[in-house]
N, C-alpha and C. Protein backbone atom coordinates (compact mmCIF):
# COMPACT_ATOMS: atom_id res chain seq x y z
N MET A 1 110.35 98.12 148.12
CA MET A 1 109.58 98.53 149.28
C MET A 1 108.10 98.32 149.01
N ILE A 2 107.37 97.94 150.03
CA ILE A 2 105.94 97.72 149.91
C ILE A 2 105.21 99.00 150.30
N ASP A 3 104.33 99.46 149.43
CA ASP A 3 103.50 100.62 149.73
C ASP A 3 102.19 100.10 150.32
N LEU A 4 102.06 100.16 151.65
CA LEU A 4 100.91 99.60 152.35
C LEU A 4 99.61 100.37 152.10
N ASN A 5 99.70 101.48 151.40
CA ASN A 5 98.50 102.28 151.08
C ASN A 5 98.12 102.20 149.61
N ALA A 6 98.90 101.49 148.81
CA ALA A 6 98.62 101.38 147.38
C ALA A 6 97.34 100.59 147.14
N PRO A 7 96.63 100.89 146.06
CA PRO A 7 95.41 100.15 145.77
C PRO A 7 95.70 98.67 145.48
N ILE A 8 94.69 97.85 145.74
CA ILE A 8 94.73 96.43 145.41
C ILE A 8 94.11 96.31 144.03
N ILE A 9 94.88 95.82 143.06
CA ILE A 9 94.42 95.81 141.67
C ILE A 9 94.38 94.37 141.14
N PRO A 10 93.16 93.84 140.92
CA PRO A 10 93.03 92.48 140.41
C PRO A 10 93.80 92.30 139.10
N TRP A 11 94.36 91.10 138.93
CA TRP A 11 95.16 90.69 137.77
C TRP A 11 96.48 91.46 137.66
N GLU A 12 96.72 92.45 138.53
CA GLU A 12 97.94 93.26 138.43
C GLU A 12 98.85 93.19 139.64
N GLY A 13 98.35 93.57 140.84
CA GLY A 13 99.25 93.53 141.98
C GLY A 13 98.72 94.21 143.22
N ILE A 14 99.59 94.24 144.24
CA ILE A 14 99.29 94.82 145.55
C ILE A 14 100.56 95.51 146.06
N GLY A 15 100.39 96.66 146.67
CA GLY A 15 101.51 97.33 147.34
C GLY A 15 102.62 97.79 146.44
N GLY A 16 102.31 97.99 145.16
CA GLY A 16 103.35 98.35 144.21
C GLY A 16 104.13 97.15 143.70
N ILE A 17 103.71 95.95 144.07
CA ILE A 17 104.35 94.71 143.62
C ILE A 17 103.48 94.12 142.52
N SER A 18 104.10 93.77 141.40
CA SER A 18 103.36 93.26 140.26
C SER A 18 103.36 91.74 140.20
N LEU A 19 102.19 91.19 139.89
CA LEU A 19 102.11 89.77 139.58
C LEU A 19 103.05 89.50 138.40
N TYR A 20 103.52 88.29 138.28
CA TYR A 20 104.47 87.83 137.25
C TYR A 20 105.90 88.31 137.51
N SER A 21 106.13 89.10 138.57
CA SER A 21 107.50 89.52 138.88
C SER A 21 108.35 88.28 139.18
N HIS A 22 109.62 88.34 138.82
CA HIS A 22 110.53 87.24 139.13
C HIS A 22 111.01 87.40 140.57
N ILE A 23 111.24 86.30 141.23
CA ILE A 23 111.65 86.30 142.64
C ILE A 23 112.90 87.15 142.87
N GLU A 24 113.81 87.19 141.90
CA GLU A 24 115.03 88.00 142.04
C GLU A 24 114.71 89.49 142.14
N GLN A 25 113.63 89.93 141.47
CA GLN A 25 113.23 91.34 141.50
C GLN A 25 112.74 91.75 142.89
N LEU A 26 112.32 90.78 143.69
CA LEU A 26 111.73 91.07 145.00
C LEU A 26 112.62 90.63 146.16
N ASN A 27 113.88 90.38 145.87
CA ASN A 27 114.81 89.89 146.88
C ASN A 27 114.92 90.82 148.08
N ASP A 28 114.94 92.13 147.86
CA ASP A 28 115.04 93.08 148.98
C ASP A 28 113.86 92.94 149.94
N ILE A 29 112.67 92.73 149.41
CA ILE A 29 111.48 92.55 150.24
C ILE A 29 111.53 91.22 150.96
N ILE A 30 111.90 90.17 150.25
CA ILE A 30 111.96 88.82 150.83
C ILE A 30 112.98 88.76 151.96
N GLN A 31 114.08 89.48 151.83
CA GLN A 31 115.12 89.48 152.86
C GLN A 31 114.65 90.08 154.18
N ARG A 32 113.55 90.84 154.16
CA ARG A 32 113.02 91.45 155.39
C ARG A 32 112.47 90.41 156.36
N THR A 33 112.13 89.25 155.87
CA THR A 33 111.59 88.21 156.74
C THR A 33 112.70 87.28 157.18
N ASN A 34 112.63 86.82 158.40
CA ASN A 34 113.63 85.88 158.90
C ASN A 34 113.15 84.44 158.79
N LYS A 35 111.97 84.27 158.22
CA LYS A 35 111.39 82.94 158.10
C LYS A 35 111.73 82.32 156.76
N ALA A 36 111.86 81.01 156.76
CA ALA A 36 112.01 80.28 155.51
C ALA A 36 110.66 80.28 154.80
N PRO A 37 110.67 80.16 153.47
CA PRO A 37 109.38 80.10 152.77
C PRO A 37 108.64 78.82 153.13
N LEU A 38 107.33 78.88 153.03
CA LEU A 38 106.51 77.69 153.24
C LEU A 38 106.37 76.95 151.92
N GLN A 39 106.65 75.67 151.92
CA GLN A 39 106.51 74.85 150.72
C GLN A 39 105.04 74.47 150.58
N LEU A 40 104.45 74.72 149.42
CA LEU A 40 103.04 74.44 149.17
C LEU A 40 102.95 73.50 147.98
N GLY A 41 103.04 72.22 148.23
CA GLY A 41 103.08 71.28 147.12
C GLY A 41 104.48 71.18 146.57
N LYS A 42 104.57 70.60 145.40
CA LYS A 42 105.88 70.31 144.81
C LYS A 42 106.60 71.55 144.26
N TYR A 43 105.85 72.48 143.67
CA TYR A 43 106.48 73.58 142.94
C TYR A 43 106.13 74.98 143.43
N LEU A 44 105.43 75.10 144.54
CA LEU A 44 104.97 76.41 144.98
C LEU A 44 105.49 76.74 146.37
N ILE A 45 105.87 78.01 146.58
CA ILE A 45 106.32 78.48 147.90
C ILE A 45 105.64 79.81 148.23
N ARG A 46 105.61 80.10 149.53
CA ARG A 46 105.02 81.37 149.99
C ARG A 46 105.95 82.02 151.01
N TYR A 47 106.24 83.28 150.79
CA TYR A 47 106.97 84.10 151.76
C TYR A 47 105.97 84.98 152.49
N GLU A 48 106.03 84.97 153.81
CA GLU A 48 105.16 85.83 154.62
C GLU A 48 105.95 87.06 155.06
N ILE A 49 105.54 88.21 154.60
CA ILE A 49 106.12 89.47 155.06
C ILE A 49 105.19 89.93 156.19
N GLU A 50 105.61 89.69 157.41
CA GLU A 50 104.81 89.82 158.64
C GLU A 50 103.71 90.87 158.61
N ASP A 51 102.47 90.42 158.62
CA ASP A 51 101.26 91.25 158.73
C ASP A 51 101.11 92.29 157.62
N GLU A 52 101.87 92.14 156.53
CA GLU A 52 101.76 93.07 155.41
C GLU A 52 101.25 92.36 154.17
N VAL A 53 102.09 91.51 153.60
CA VAL A 53 101.70 90.75 152.41
C VAL A 53 102.33 89.36 152.45
N ASP A 54 101.72 88.45 151.72
CA ASP A 54 102.31 87.15 151.43
C ASP A 54 102.59 87.11 149.94
N LEU A 55 103.75 86.59 149.58
CA LEU A 55 104.17 86.49 148.18
C LEU A 55 104.25 85.02 147.81
N TRP A 56 103.51 84.63 146.80
CA TRP A 56 103.40 83.23 146.38
C TRP A 56 104.11 83.05 145.04
N PHE A 57 105.10 82.15 145.01
CA PHE A 57 105.92 81.94 143.82
C PHE A 57 105.84 80.51 143.31
N ASN A 58 106.03 80.38 142.00
CA ASN A 58 106.25 79.08 141.38
C ASN A 58 107.76 78.91 141.30
N VAL A 59 108.31 77.83 141.87
CA VAL A 59 109.77 77.67 141.90
C VAL A 59 110.34 77.23 140.56
N VAL A 60 109.51 76.72 139.66
CA VAL A 60 110.01 76.29 138.36
C VAL A 60 110.38 77.50 137.51
N ASN A 61 109.47 78.48 137.41
CA ASN A 61 109.78 79.66 136.59
C ASN A 61 110.19 80.88 137.42
N GLY A 62 110.09 80.77 138.75
CA GLY A 62 110.50 81.86 139.64
C GLY A 62 109.56 83.04 139.69
N LYS A 63 108.35 82.90 139.13
CA LYS A 63 107.44 84.04 139.02
C LYS A 63 106.38 84.07 140.12
N LEU A 64 105.98 85.30 140.44
CA LEU A 64 104.96 85.58 141.44
C LEU A 64 103.58 85.34 140.83
N PHE A 65 102.80 84.44 141.44
CA PHE A 65 101.48 84.14 140.89
C PHE A 65 100.32 84.63 141.75
N LYS A 66 100.59 84.96 143.02
CA LYS A 66 99.54 85.46 143.90
C LYS A 66 100.16 86.37 144.95
N ILE A 67 99.43 87.41 145.32
CA ILE A 67 99.85 88.32 146.38
C ILE A 67 98.66 88.48 147.33
N THR A 68 98.94 88.39 148.62
CA THR A 68 97.89 88.49 149.63
C THR A 68 98.16 89.66 150.56
N ALA A 69 97.18 90.56 150.67
CA ALA A 69 97.25 91.67 151.63
C ALA A 69 96.71 91.18 152.96
N SER A 70 97.44 91.47 154.04
CA SER A 70 96.99 91.02 155.36
C SER A 70 96.83 92.18 156.34
N LYS A 71 96.83 91.88 157.60
CA LYS A 71 96.43 92.75 158.71
C LYS A 71 96.83 94.23 158.62
N ASN A 72 98.06 94.53 158.34
CA ASN A 72 98.52 95.93 158.34
C ASN A 72 98.41 96.63 157.00
N TYR A 73 97.83 95.96 156.01
CA TYR A 73 97.70 96.56 154.69
C TYR A 73 96.52 97.53 154.69
N LYS A 74 96.72 98.75 154.23
CA LYS A 74 95.68 99.79 154.28
C LYS A 74 95.09 100.14 152.91
N GLY A 75 95.72 99.70 151.83
CA GLY A 75 95.19 99.99 150.51
C GLY A 75 93.85 99.32 150.29
N LYS A 76 93.09 99.80 149.31
CA LYS A 76 91.74 99.30 149.08
C LYS A 76 91.58 98.66 147.71
N LEU A 77 90.67 97.72 147.67
CA LEU A 77 90.24 97.06 146.44
C LEU A 77 89.05 97.84 145.90
N PHE A 78 89.07 98.19 144.63
CA PHE A 78 87.98 98.97 144.01
C PHE A 78 87.69 100.27 144.79
N ASP A 79 88.71 100.85 145.40
CA ASP A 79 88.62 102.11 146.14
C ASP A 79 87.69 102.07 147.35
N ARG A 80 87.24 100.87 147.78
CA ARG A 80 86.33 100.85 148.92
C ARG A 80 86.39 99.60 149.78
N ILE A 81 86.97 98.50 149.29
CA ILE A 81 87.01 97.25 150.05
C ILE A 81 88.39 97.11 150.69
N TYR A 82 88.42 96.79 151.99
CA TYR A 82 89.69 96.77 152.72
C TYR A 82 89.71 95.65 153.77
N VAL A 83 90.91 95.30 154.21
CA VAL A 83 91.09 94.32 155.28
C VAL A 83 90.45 94.88 156.54
N GLY A 84 89.61 94.08 157.19
CA GLY A 84 88.89 94.50 158.39
C GLY A 84 87.43 94.84 158.15
N MET A 85 87.04 95.01 156.88
CA MET A 85 85.66 95.35 156.54
C MET A 85 84.75 94.13 156.73
N HIS A 86 83.50 94.35 157.10
CA HIS A 86 82.53 93.26 157.24
C HIS A 86 82.17 92.73 155.85
N ILE A 87 82.06 91.42 155.72
CA ILE A 87 81.82 90.80 154.41
C ILE A 87 80.48 91.23 153.81
N ASP A 88 79.49 91.54 154.62
CA ASP A 88 78.21 92.01 154.07
C ASP A 88 78.39 93.30 153.28
N LYS A 89 79.24 94.20 153.78
CA LYS A 89 79.53 95.45 153.07
C LYS A 89 80.29 95.16 151.77
N VAL A 90 81.23 94.20 151.85
CA VAL A 90 81.99 93.82 150.65
C VAL A 90 81.04 93.39 149.55
N ILE A 91 80.12 92.49 149.89
CA ILE A 91 79.18 91.96 148.90
C ILE A 91 78.22 93.05 148.41
N GLU A 92 77.87 93.96 149.27
CA GLU A 92 77.03 95.09 148.86
C GLU A 92 77.76 95.92 147.80
N PHE A 93 79.05 96.17 148.00
CA PHE A 93 79.84 96.95 147.04
C PHE A 93 80.20 96.15 145.79
N GLU A 94 80.45 94.85 145.97
CA GLU A 94 80.91 94.00 144.85
C GLU A 94 80.18 92.66 144.91
N PRO A 95 79.01 92.57 144.26
CA PRO A 95 78.20 91.35 144.34
C PRO A 95 78.76 90.14 143.60
N SER A 96 79.89 90.28 142.92
CA SER A 96 80.47 89.13 142.21
C SER A 96 81.11 88.11 143.16
N PHE A 97 81.29 88.47 144.43
CA PHE A 97 81.89 87.53 145.39
C PHE A 97 80.90 86.44 145.78
N VAL A 98 81.38 85.19 145.71
CA VAL A 98 80.58 84.03 146.07
C VAL A 98 81.42 83.17 147.01
N TYR A 99 80.79 82.64 148.04
CA TYR A 99 81.52 81.82 149.01
C TYR A 99 81.79 80.43 148.43
N ASP A 100 83.03 79.98 148.53
CA ASP A 100 83.45 78.64 148.09
C ASP A 100 83.58 77.78 149.34
N ASP A 101 82.66 76.83 149.52
CA ASP A 101 82.65 75.99 150.71
C ASP A 101 83.91 75.13 150.83
N PHE A 102 84.44 74.67 149.71
CA PHE A 102 85.63 73.81 149.75
C PHE A 102 86.86 74.61 150.17
N GLU A 103 87.10 75.73 149.54
CA GLU A 103 88.27 76.56 149.83
C GLU A 103 88.07 77.44 151.07
N GLU A 104 86.82 77.63 151.47
CA GLU A 104 86.45 78.48 152.60
C GLU A 104 86.90 79.92 152.42
N VAL A 105 86.72 80.43 151.21
CA VAL A 105 87.01 81.82 150.88
C VAL A 105 85.91 82.35 149.97
N TYR A 106 85.82 83.66 149.89
CA TYR A 106 84.94 84.30 148.92
C TYR A 106 85.76 84.50 147.65
N CYS A 107 85.18 84.14 146.51
CA CYS A 107 85.88 84.23 145.23
C CYS A 107 85.12 85.16 144.29
N SER A 108 85.86 85.89 143.49
CA SER A 108 85.27 86.71 142.45
C SER A 108 85.93 86.34 141.13
N PRO A 109 85.15 86.24 140.05
CA PRO A 109 85.75 85.96 138.74
C PRO A 109 86.62 87.11 138.24
N LYS A 110 86.69 88.18 139.01
CA LYS A 110 87.52 89.34 138.65
C LYS A 110 88.95 89.18 139.14
N GLY A 111 89.31 87.99 139.66
CA GLY A 111 90.69 87.72 140.05
C GLY A 111 91.02 87.97 141.51
N ILE A 112 90.04 87.71 142.40
CA ILE A 112 90.23 88.03 143.81
C ILE A 112 89.70 86.91 144.70
N PHE A 113 90.44 86.64 145.78
CA PHE A 113 89.97 85.77 146.87
C PHE A 113 89.93 86.63 148.14
N ILE A 114 88.92 86.39 148.98
CA ILE A 114 88.85 87.05 150.28
C ILE A 114 88.57 86.00 151.34
N GLU A 115 89.40 85.99 152.39
CA GLU A 115 89.13 85.12 153.54
C GLU A 115 88.60 85.98 154.67
N THR A 116 87.61 85.44 155.39
CA THR A 116 87.00 86.19 156.49
C THR A 116 87.19 85.48 157.82
N ASP A 117 87.09 86.25 158.88
CA ASP A 117 87.12 85.71 160.23
C ASP A 117 85.80 84.98 160.46
N PRO A 118 85.84 83.71 160.90
CA PRO A 118 84.60 82.95 161.05
C PRO A 118 83.71 83.44 162.19
N ILE A 119 84.24 84.23 163.09
CA ILE A 119 83.45 84.71 164.23
C ILE A 119 82.76 86.04 163.93
N ASP A 120 83.54 87.02 163.47
CA ASP A 120 82.92 88.33 163.24
C ASP A 120 82.70 88.68 161.77
N ASN A 121 83.05 87.76 160.87
CA ASN A 121 82.80 87.92 159.43
C ASN A 121 83.47 89.15 158.82
N THR A 122 84.63 89.53 159.35
CA THR A 122 85.39 90.62 158.75
C THR A 122 86.50 90.05 157.88
N VAL A 123 86.94 90.84 156.92
CA VAL A 123 87.98 90.42 155.98
C VAL A 123 89.32 90.28 156.70
N LEU A 124 89.91 89.08 156.61
CA LEU A 124 91.25 88.83 157.17
C LEU A 124 92.33 89.14 156.16
N TRP A 125 92.09 88.75 154.91
CA TRP A 125 93.04 89.03 153.85
C TRP A 125 92.36 89.08 152.50
N ILE A 126 93.03 89.76 151.57
CA ILE A 126 92.57 89.89 150.19
C ILE A 126 93.71 89.46 149.29
N SER A 127 93.42 88.54 148.36
CA SER A 127 94.44 88.06 147.43
C SER A 127 94.07 88.39 145.99
N VAL A 128 95.09 88.75 145.21
CA VAL A 128 94.94 88.85 143.76
C VAL A 128 95.88 87.82 143.15
N TYR A 129 95.54 87.34 141.97
CA TYR A 129 96.30 86.25 141.37
C TYR A 129 96.32 86.38 139.85
N ILE A 130 97.15 85.55 139.23
CA ILE A 130 97.27 85.57 137.77
C ILE A 130 96.12 84.80 137.13
N LYS A 131 95.82 85.14 135.89
CA LYS A 131 94.72 84.49 135.17
C LYS A 131 94.99 83.01 134.92
N GLU A 132 96.25 82.63 134.87
CA GLU A 132 96.62 81.24 134.56
C GLU A 132 96.55 80.30 135.76
N LEU A 133 96.11 80.77 136.90
CA LEU A 133 96.12 79.98 138.13
C LEU A 133 95.48 78.61 137.98
N ASP A 134 94.40 78.51 137.24
CA ASP A 134 93.70 77.23 137.08
C ASP A 134 93.98 76.55 135.75
N SER A 135 94.97 77.01 135.02
CA SER A 135 95.25 76.44 133.70
C SER A 135 96.12 75.19 133.78
N ASP A 136 96.04 74.37 132.74
CA ASP A 136 96.93 73.21 132.65
C ASP A 136 98.37 73.71 132.59
N GLY A 137 99.25 73.04 133.28
CA GLY A 137 100.65 73.40 133.27
C GLY A 137 101.02 74.51 134.24
N PHE A 138 100.05 74.98 135.03
CA PHE A 138 100.35 76.07 135.98
C PHE A 138 101.46 75.68 136.94
N GLU A 139 101.29 74.54 137.63
CA GLU A 139 102.30 74.15 138.63
C GLU A 139 103.66 73.91 138.01
N GLU A 140 103.69 73.46 136.76
CA GLU A 140 104.96 73.20 136.09
C GLU A 140 105.60 74.48 135.56
N GLY A 141 104.95 75.62 135.77
CA GLY A 141 105.53 76.90 135.38
C GLY A 141 105.33 77.27 133.93
N ASN A 142 104.38 76.64 133.26
CA ASN A 142 104.13 76.91 131.84
C ASN A 142 103.16 78.07 131.67
N TRP A 143 103.62 79.25 132.07
CA TRP A 143 102.82 80.46 131.91
C TRP A 143 103.75 81.66 131.92
């Protein structure tokens, strides 16, 4: 079960779901969606749990490498940053966020991505991910 009020913890997880979990451990949650996973490249898939979280897996090793909190998620990052907050407030609370023009997200070296609404500049989603995301062999599941 997803705890929509649980804190968002970089390098660890969201909603009581831990990064590095095997897909079999999360089967009950995945079964809640009637959608097929989205294929993202050769070895990566994403399950969308409607307006709650997205679960990103590597199909080679079956492990969860990124979790994204979306619209209905109420838990907070660092006890103060949440989905729907204006990005100026986010940066005031956590100045490590820098906008990445290529990816079109705010990135923090603390293990977080934030995407904002281009019109009102509020947080659309918050993602946490594993430290190995940019390492050699990541897509091949060597982590």
